[in-house]
PDB file of N, CA and C in Angstrom:
ATOM      1  N   UNK A   1     183.570  22.663  -3.713  1.00  0.00           N
ATOM      2  CA  UNK A   1     182.284  22.008  -3.579  1.00  0.00           C
ATOM      3  C   UNK A   1     181.615  22.489  -2.288  1.00  0.00           C
ATOM      4  N   UNK A   2     180.321  22.700  -2.352  1.00  0.00           N
ATOM      5  CA  UNK A   2     179.564  23.190  -1.208  1.00  0.00           C
ATOM      6  C   UNK A   2     179.515  22.146  -0.106  1.00  0.00           C
ATOM      7  N   UNK A   3     179.570  22.612   1.121  1.00  0.00           N
ATOM      8  CA  UNK A   3     179.504  21.725   2.272  1.00  0.00           C
ATOM      9  C   UNK A   3     178.148  21.790   2.954  1.00  0.00           C
ATOM     10  N   UNK A   4     177.397  22.858   2.738  1.00  0.00           N
ATOM     11  CA  UNK A   4     176.077  23.007   3.339  1.00  0.00           C
ATOM     12  C   UNK A   4     175.025  22.842   2.245  1.00  0.00           C
ATOM     13  N   UNK A   5     174.248  21.768   2.357  1.00  0.00           N
ATOM     14  CA  UNK A   5     173.328  21.394   1.302  1.00  0.00           C
ATOM     15  C   UNK A   5     171.895  21.344   1.821  1.00  0.00           C
ATOM     16  N   UNK A   6     170.952  21.512   0.905  1.00  0.00           N
ATOM     17  CA  UNK A   6     169.547  21.342   1.258  1.00  0.00           C
ATOM     18  C   UNK A   6     169.291  19.847   1.448  1.00  0.00           C
ATOM     19  N   UNK A   7     168.210  19.487   2.126  1.00  0.00           N
ATOM     20  CA  UNK A   7     167.900  18.055   2.260  1.00  0.00           C
ATOM     21  C   UNK A   7     167.781  17.350   0.911  1.00  0.00           C
ATOM     22  N   UNK A   8     167.249  18.030  -0.085  1.00  0.00           N
ATOM     23  CA  UNK A   8     167.123  17.440  -1.420  1.00  0.00           C
ATOM     24  C   UNK A   8     168.489  17.157  -2.029  1.00  0.00           C
ATOM     25  N   UNK A   9     169.388  18.135  -1.956  1.00  0.00           N
ATOM     26  CA  UNK A   9     170.733  17.967  -2.515  1.00  0.00           C
ATOM     27  C   UNK A   9     171.484  16.858  -1.792  1.00  0.00           C
ATOM     28  N   UNK A  10     171.360  16.839  -0.477  1.00  0.00           N
ATOM     29  CA  UNK A  10     172.050  15.829   0.322  1.00  0.00           C
ATOM     30  C   UNK A  10     171.506  14.437   0.030  1.00  0.00           C
ATOM     31  N   UNK A  11     170.211  14.323  -0.129  1.00  0.00           N
ATOM     32  CA  UNK A  11     169.620  13.018  -0.414  1.00  0.00           C
ATOM     33  C   UNK A  11     170.093  12.490  -1.772  1.00  0.00           C
ATOM     34  N   UNK A  12     170.199  13.369  -2.759  1.00  0.00           N
ATOM     35  CA  UNK A  12     170.686  12.956  -4.077  1.00  0.00           C
ATOM     36  C   UNK A  12     172.141  12.515  -4.013  1.00  0.00           C
ATOM     37  N   UNK A  13     172.956  13.268  -3.273  1.00  0.00           N
ATOM     38  CA  UNK A  13     174.384  12.952  -3.187  1.00  0.00           C
ATOM     39  C   UNK A  13     174.650  11.640  -2.469  1.00  0.00           C
ATOM     40  N   UNK A  14     173.863  11.354  -1.438  1.00  0.00           N
ATOM     41  CA  UNK A  14     174.122  10.173  -0.626  1.00  0.00           C
ATOM     42  C   UNK A  14     173.227   8.991  -0.971  1.00  0.00           C
ATOM     43  N   UNK A  15     172.301   9.189  -1.897  1.00  0.00           N
ATOM     44  CA  UNK A  15     171.427   8.106  -2.298  1.00  0.00           C
ATOM     45  C   UNK A  15     170.396   7.728  -1.248  1.00  0.00           C
ATOM     46  N   UNK A  16     169.977   8.706  -0.461  1.00  0.00           N
ATOM     47  CA  UNK A  16     168.958   8.489   0.560  1.00  0.00           C
ATOM     48  C   UNK A  16     167.685   9.225   0.181  1.00  0.00           C
ATOM     49  N   UNK A  17     166.585   8.838   0.808  1.00  0.00           N
ATOM     50  CA  UNK A  17     165.331   9.542   0.629  1.00  0.00           C
ATOM     51  C   UNK A  17     165.382  10.863   1.402  1.00  0.00           C
ATOM     52  N   UNK A  18     164.766  11.902   0.868  1.00  0.00           N
ATOM     53  CA  UNK A  18     164.757  13.220   1.521  1.00  0.00           C
ATOM     54  C   UNK A  18     164.207  13.125   2.949  1.00  0.00           C
ATOM     55  N   UNK A  19     163.134  12.373   3.129  1.00  0.00           N
ATOM     56  CA  UNK A  19     162.537  12.222   4.458  1.00  0.00           C
ATOM     57  C   UNK A  19     163.488  11.507   5.415  1.00  0.00           C
ATOM     58  N   UNK A  20     164.285  10.591   4.918  1.00  0.00           N
ATOM     59  CA  UNK A  20     165.264   9.887   5.742  1.00  0.00           C
ATOM     60  C   UNK A  20     166.351  10.855   6.212  1.00  0.00           C
ATOM     61  N   UNK A  21     166.775  11.749   5.335  1.00  0.00           N
ATOM     62  CA  UNK A  21     167.769  12.766   5.704  1.00  0.00           C
ATOM     63  C   UNK A  21     167.224  13.622   6.844  1.00  0.00           C
ATOM     64  N   UNK A  22     166.004  14.082   6.699  1.00  0.00           N
ATOM     65  CA  UNK A  22     165.403  14.932   7.731  1.00  0.00           C
ATOM     66  C   UNK A  22     165.207  14.150   9.031  1.00  0.00           C
ATOM     67  N   UNK A  23     164.780  12.884   8.920  1.00  0.00           N
ATOM     68  CA  UNK A  23     164.595  12.058  10.122  1.00  0.00           C
ATOM     69  C   UNK A  23     165.895  11.906  10.904  1.00  0.00           C
ATOM     70  N   UNK A  24     166.981  11.634  10.192  1.00  0.00           N
ATOM     71  CA  UNK A  24     168.283  11.491  10.855  1.00  0.00           C
ATOM     72  C   UNK A  24     168.666  12.798  11.549  1.00  0.00           C
ATOM     73  N   UNK A  25     168.454  13.909  10.884  1.00  0.00           N
ATOM     74  CA  UNK A  25     168.783  15.204  11.484  1.00  0.00           C
ATOM     75  C   UNK A  25     168.000  15.438  12.771  1.00  0.00           C
ATOM     76  N   UNK A  26     166.711  15.173  12.730  1.00  0.00           N
ATOM     77  CA  UNK A  26     165.856  15.405  13.898  1.00  0.00           C
ATOM     78  C   UNK A  26     166.212  14.446  15.034  1.00  0.00           C
ATOM     79  N   UNK A  27     166.324  13.165  14.719  1.00  0.00           N
ATOM     80  CA  UNK A  27     166.579  12.165  15.754  1.00  0.00           C
ATOM     81  C   UNK A  27     167.986  12.238  16.333  1.00  0.00           C
ATOM     82  N   UNK A  28     168.959  12.613  15.521  1.00  0.00           N
ATOM     83  CA  UNK A  28     170.355  12.606  15.962  1.00  0.00           C
ATOM     84  C   UNK A  28     170.896  13.992  16.289  1.00  0.00           C
ATOM     85  N   UNK A  29     170.084  15.005  16.164  1.00  0.00           N
ATOM     86  CA  UNK A  29     170.502  16.347  16.563  1.00  0.00           C
ATOM     87  C   UNK A  29     171.418  17.045  15.575  1.00  0.00           C
ATOM     88  N   UNK A  30     171.361  16.667  14.312  1.00  0.00           N
ATOM     89  CA  UNK A  30     172.147  17.354  13.289  1.00  0.00           C
ATOM     90  C   UNK A  30     171.363  18.615  12.899  1.00  0.00           C
ATOM     91  N   UNK A  31     171.952  19.781  13.102  1.00  0.00           N
ATOM     92  CA  UNK A  31     171.199  21.007  12.848  1.00  0.00           C
ATOM     93  C   UNK A  31     170.884  21.255  11.372  1.00  0.00           C
ATOM     94  N   UNK A  32     169.703  21.770  11.144  1.00  0.00           N
ATOM     95  CA  UNK A  32     169.305  22.268   9.824  1.00  0.00           C
ATOM     96  C   UNK A  32     169.171  23.769  10.003  1.00  0.00           C
ATOM     97  N   UNK A  33     170.123  24.505   9.457  1.00  0.00           N
ATOM     98  CA  UNK A  33     170.168  25.950   9.640  1.00  0.00           C
ATOM     99  C   UNK A  33     169.836  26.642   8.331  1.00  0.00           C
ATOM    100  N   UNK A  34     168.793  27.438   8.358  1.00  0.00           N
ATOM    101  CA  UNK A  34     168.313  28.156   7.176  1.00  0.00           C
ATOM    102  C   UNK A  34     168.129  27.204   5.995  1.00  0.00           C
ATOM    103  N   UNK A  35     167.584  26.021   6.293  1.00  0.00           N
ATOM    104  CA  UNK A  35     167.261  25.060   5.250  1.00  0.00           C
ATOM    105  C   UNK A  35     168.434  24.267   4.709  1.00  0.00           C
ATOM    106  N   UNK A  36     169.588  24.369   5.353  1.00  0.00           N
ATOM    107  CA  UNK A  36     170.782  23.668   4.870  1.00  0.00           C
ATOM    108  C   UNK A  36     171.393  22.826   5.984  1.00  0.00           C
ATOM    109  N   UNK A  37     172.038  21.734   5.559  1.00  0.00           N
ATOM    110  CA  UNK A  37     172.636  20.774   6.476  1.00  0.00           C
ATOM    111  C   UNK A  37     174.123  20.660   6.159  1.00  0.00           C
ATOM    112  N   UNK A  38     174.938  20.621   7.207  1.00  0.00           N
ATOM    113  CA  UNK A  38     176.381  20.439   7.032  1.00  0.00           C
ATOM    114  C   UNK A  38     176.618  18.987   6.604  1.00  0.00           C
ATOM    115  N   UNK A  39     177.111  18.814   5.396  1.00  0.00           N
ATOM    116  CA  UNK A  39     177.303  17.480   4.811  1.00  0.00           C
ATOM    117  C   UNK A  39     178.275  16.641   5.639  1.00  0.00           C
ATOM    118  N   UNK A  40     179.379  17.221   6.063  1.00  0.00           N
ATOM    119  CA  UNK A  40     180.397  16.495   6.819  1.00  0.00           C
ATOM    120  C   UNK A  40     179.833  16.019   8.151  1.00  0.00           C
ATOM    121  N   UNK A  41     179.117  16.888   8.850  1.00  0.00           N
ATOM    122  CA  UNK A  41     178.508  16.528  10.125  1.00  0.00           C
ATOM    123  C   UNK A  41     177.457  15.436   9.931  1.00  0.00           C
ATOM    124  N   UNK A  42     176.647  15.568   8.891  1.00  0.00           N
ATOM    125  CA  UNK A  42     175.617  14.567   8.618  1.00  0.00           C
ATOM    126  C   UNK A  42     176.249  13.213   8.327  1.00  0.00           C
ATOM    127  N   UNK A  43     177.271  13.184   7.493  1.00  0.00           N
ATOM    128  CA  UNK A  43     177.927  11.919   7.151  1.00  0.00           C
ATOM    129  C   UNK A  43     178.576  11.288   8.383  1.00  0.00           C
ATOM    130  N   UNK A  44     179.192  12.107   9.226  1.00  0.00           N
ATOM    131  CA  UNK A  44     179.820  11.577  10.437  1.00  0.00           C
ATOM    132  C   UNK A  44     178.770  10.959  11.351  1.00  0.00           C
ATOM    133  N   UNK A  45     177.625  11.604  11.488  1.00  0.00           N
ATOM    134  CA  UNK A  45     176.564  11.074  12.333  1.00  0.00           C
ATOM    135  C   UNK A  45     175.978   9.800  11.738  1.00  0.00           C
ATOM    136  N   UNK A  46     175.803   9.790  10.430  1.00  0.00           N
ATOM    137  CA  UNK A  46     175.278   8.615   9.746  1.00  0.00           C
ATOM    138  C   UNK A  46     176.220   7.425   9.932  1.00  0.00           C
ATOM    139  N   UNK A  47     177.509   7.680   9.827  1.00  0.00           N
ATOM    140  CA  UNK A  47     178.506   6.620  10.002  1.00  0.00           C
ATOM    141  C   UNK A  47     178.513   6.127  11.451  1.00  0.00           C
ATOM    142  N   UNK A  48     178.369   7.042  12.413  1.00  0.00           N
ATOM    143  CA  UNK A  48     178.336   6.666  13.827  1.00  0.00           C
ATOM    144  C   UNK A  48     177.115   5.806  14.140  1.00  0.00           C
ATOM    145  N   UNK A  49     176.037   6.025  13.399  1.00  0.00           N
ATOM    146  CA  UNK A  49     174.815   5.237  13.575  1.00  0.00           C
ATOM    147  C   UNK A  49     174.940   3.867  12.922  1.00  0.00           C
ATOM    148  N   UNK A  50     175.991   3.655  12.159  1.00  0.00           N
ATOM    149  CA  UNK A  50     176.173   2.396  11.448  1.00  0.00           C
ATOM    150  C   UNK A  50     175.528   2.423  10.074  1.00  0.00           C
ATOM    151  N   UNK A  51     175.257   3.642   9.585  1.00  0.00           N
ATOM    152  CA  UNK A  51     174.642   3.793   8.270  1.00  0.00           C
ATOM    153  C   UNK A  51     175.661   3.729   7.164  1.00  0.00           C
ATOM    154  N   UNK A  52     175.392   4.421   6.091  1.00  0.00           N
ATOM    155  CA  UNK A  52     176.263   4.418   4.914  1.00  0.00           C
ATOM    156  C   UNK A  52     177.648   4.930   5.273  1.00  0.00           C
ATOM    157  N   UNK A  53     178.692   4.290   4.763  1.00  0.00           N
ATOM    158  CA  UNK A  53     180.053   4.762   5.024  1.00  0.00           C
ATOM    159  C   UNK A  53     180.293   6.111   4.332  1.00  0.00           C
ATOM    160  N   UNK A  54     181.206   6.872   4.884  1.00  0.00           N
ATOM    161  CA  UNK A  54     181.536   8.152   4.290  1.00  0.00           C
ATOM    162  C   UNK A  54     182.220   7.944   2.948  1.00  0.00           C
ATOM    163  N   UNK A  55     182.218   8.975   2.119  1.00  0.00           N
ATOM    164  CA  UNK A  55     182.829   8.885   0.793  1.00  0.00           C
ATOM    165  C   UNK A  55     184.312   8.599   0.929  1.00  0.00           C
ATOM    166  N   UNK A  56     184.829   7.813   0.008  1.00  0.00           N
ATOM    167  CA  UNK A  56     186.265   7.595  -0.031  1.00  0.00           C
ATOM    168  C   UNK A  56     186.910   8.733  -0.790  1.00  0.00           C
ATOM    169  N   UNK A  57     188.048   9.126  -0.357  1.00  0.00           N
ATOM    170  CA  UNK A  57     188.721  10.256  -1.002  1.00  0.00           C
ATOM    171  C   UNK A  57     189.961   9.754  -1.733  1.00  0.00           C
ATOM    172  N   UNK A  58     190.172  10.287  -2.903  1.00  0.00           N
ATOM    173  CA  UNK A  58     191.346   9.918  -3.684  1.00  0.00           C
ATOM    174  C   UNK A  58     192.594  10.519  -3.056  1.00  0.00           C
ATOM    175  N   UNK A  59     193.660   9.782  -3.073  1.00  0.00           N
ATOM    176  CA  UNK A  59     194.920  10.257  -2.470  1.00  0.00           C
ATOM    177  C   UNK A  59     195.619  11.222  -3.371  1.00  0.00           C
TER     178      UNK A  59
END
């Protein structure tokens, strides 16, 4: 599974608005490189902000 997603792909996966994804990146310093965002870094920052919890992983 891809780890670097466009804001649209990331918003669909996490159930957030595209503009909210971009706002979090800008305000929290999550880099958008060549139009893609590191999903793991974004989720970690979102969780640190007290936002949506990270995905649960099956054992």
